Amino acid sequence: KETEPGPSEESEKKPLKSRPEQDEQDNIIEVKSPIVGIFYRAPSPDAPPFVKVGDKVKKGDVLCIIEAMKLMNKITSDYDGEIKEILVQNEEPVEFNQTLMTIKIEE
């Protein structure tokens, strides 16, 4: 016997999911912050962002920088794919394990 999933998506809106939904999002992964710090989309204030929604990325490409205790930590992609969402604003504080962006991975 199949069981119904929990509360509907309409009644339970969470901006940060720990796991993507199983059906159509099997190939969507979440890029999470490995540290607490400040999120930067670009290497400097006047430079273009590392990535934008819709950009194709390859494994090893820099996605963003997180500054922690005056150290700039480059966050790189572990997958080839396309940026689907960027969930954090530039210069916004981020927490450990917070979802920064999502990538639709190429199969």
Protein backbone atom coordinates (compact mmCIF):
# COMPACT_ATOMS: atom_id res chain seq x y z
CA LYS A 1 0.00 0.00 0.00
CA GLU A 2 1.36 3.41 -0.96
CA THR A 3 1.45 6.05 1.71
CA GLU A 4 0.66 9.67 1.11
CA PRO A 5 3.48 12.18 1.62
CA GLY A 6 3.35 14.48 4.64
CA PRO A 7 1.78 17.94 4.61
CA SER A 8 1.27 19.43 1.17
CA GLU A 9 3.86 21.79 -0.26
CA GLU A 10 1.30 24.61 -0.03
CA SER A 11 0.87 24.29 3.72
CA GLU A 12 4.55 23.85 4.51
CA LYS A 13 6.79 26.35 2.72
CA LYS A 14 10.39 26.09 3.82
CA PRO A 15 12.93 28.29 2.04
CA LEU A 16 15.78 25.90 2.81
CA LYS A 17 15.33 22.19 2.23
CA SER A 18 17.72 19.63 3.60
CA ARG A 19 16.97 17.30 0.69
CA PRO A 20 15.44 17.97 -2.71
CA GLU A 21 12.06 16.42 -3.53
CA GLN A 22 12.41 12.99 -5.10
CA ASP A 23 10.33 13.27 -8.29
CA GLU A 24 11.45 15.88 -10.82
CA GLN A 25 14.27 17.25 -8.67
CA ASP A 26 16.43 14.12 -8.68
CA ASN A 27 19.02 16.02 -10.69
CA ILE A 28 18.91 19.23 -8.59
CA ILE A 29 21.61 19.52 -5.95
CA GLU A 30 22.03 22.13 -3.26
CA VAL A 31 25.33 23.94 -2.76
CA LYS A 32 25.68 24.43 0.99
CA SER A 33 27.99 26.67 2.95
CA PRO A 34 30.82 24.71 4.58
CA ILE A 35 31.44 27.54 7.06
CA VAL A 36 29.83 30.52 8.81
CA GLY A 37 30.76 33.78 7.09
CA ILE A 38 29.81 36.50 4.61
CA PHE A 39 28.66 35.47 1.10
CA TYR A 40 30.16 37.27 -1.90
CA ARG A 41 28.98 36.66 -5.47
CA ALA A 42 32.04 38.35 -7.05
CA PRO A 43 35.78 38.58 -6.36
CA SER A 44 35.52 42.36 -5.81
CA PRO A 45 32.73 44.96 -5.59
CA ASP A 46 33.21 46.18 -9.18
CA ALA A 47 33.76 42.73 -10.75
CA PRO A 48 31.02 40.66 -12.39
CA PRO A 49 29.59 37.79 -10.31
CA PHE A 50 31.22 34.36 -10.52
CA VAL A 51 27.89 32.85 -11.67
CA LYS A 52 24.36 33.93 -12.53
CA VAL A 53 21.13 31.94 -12.77
CA GLY A 54 21.21 30.03 -16.05
CA ASP A 55 25.01 29.85 -16.25
CA LYS A 56 26.60 26.51 -17.13
CA VAL A 57 29.26 25.41 -14.63
CA LYS A 58 31.86 22.66 -14.65
CA LYS A 59 33.25 20.72 -11.72
CA GLY A 60 35.85 22.94 -10.04
CA ASP A 61 34.40 26.28 -11.21
CA VAL A 62 34.27 28.96 -8.50
CA LEU A 63 30.66 29.71 -7.53
CA CYS A 64 31.17 32.30 -4.78
CA ILE A 65 33.40 33.38 -1.91
CA ILE A 66 32.66 33.11 1.79
CA GLU A 67 34.71 35.38 4.04
CA ALA A 68 35.43 33.97 7.47
CA MET A 69 37.79 35.72 9.91
CA LYS A 70 39.30 37.86 7.11
CA LEU A 71 40.02 34.78 4.96
CA MET A 72 38.38 34.52 1.55
CA ASN A 73 37.25 30.92 0.93
CA LYS A 74 36.36 30.04 -2.66
CA ILE A 75 33.38 27.70 -2.95
CA THR A 76 33.64 25.51 -6.04
CA SER A 77 31.19 23.28 -7.86
CA ASP A 78 31.36 19.54 -7.33
CA TYR A 79 29.27 18.96 -10.46
CA ASP A 80 28.80 19.91 -14.10
CA GLY A 81 25.44 21.59 -14.55
CA GLU A 82 23.38 24.77 -14.70
CA ILE A 83 22.75 27.30 -11.92
CA LYS A 84 19.01 27.15 -11.16
CA GLU A 85 18.71 29.43 -8.11
CA ILE A 86 20.90 31.69 -6.02
CA LEU A 87 19.29 31.85 -2.59
CA VAL A 88 21.60 34.33 -0.83
CA GLN A 89 22.15 38.03 -1.49
CA ASN A 90 25.63 39.49 -1.95
CA GLU A 91 27.35 40.43 1.34
CA GLU A 92 24.75 38.52 3.37
CA PRO A 93 25.83 36.51 6.43
CA VAL A 94 25.46 32.75 5.97
CA GLU A 95 25.34 29.89 8.44
CA PHE A 96 27.08 26.53 8.33
CA ASN A 97 25.18 24.14 6.01
CA GLN A 98 22.89 26.92 4.68
CA THR A 99 21.86 26.37 1.05
CA LEU A 100 23.55 29.00 -1.12
CA MET A 101 22.34 27.95 -4.56
CA THR A 102 20.98 25.03 -6.52
CA ILE A 103 22.48 23.37 -9.58
CA LYS A 104 20.69 21.15 -12.09
CA ILE A 105 23.31 18.52 -12.76
CA GLU A 106 23.95 17.18 -16.24
CA GLU A 107 23.28 13.51 -16.68
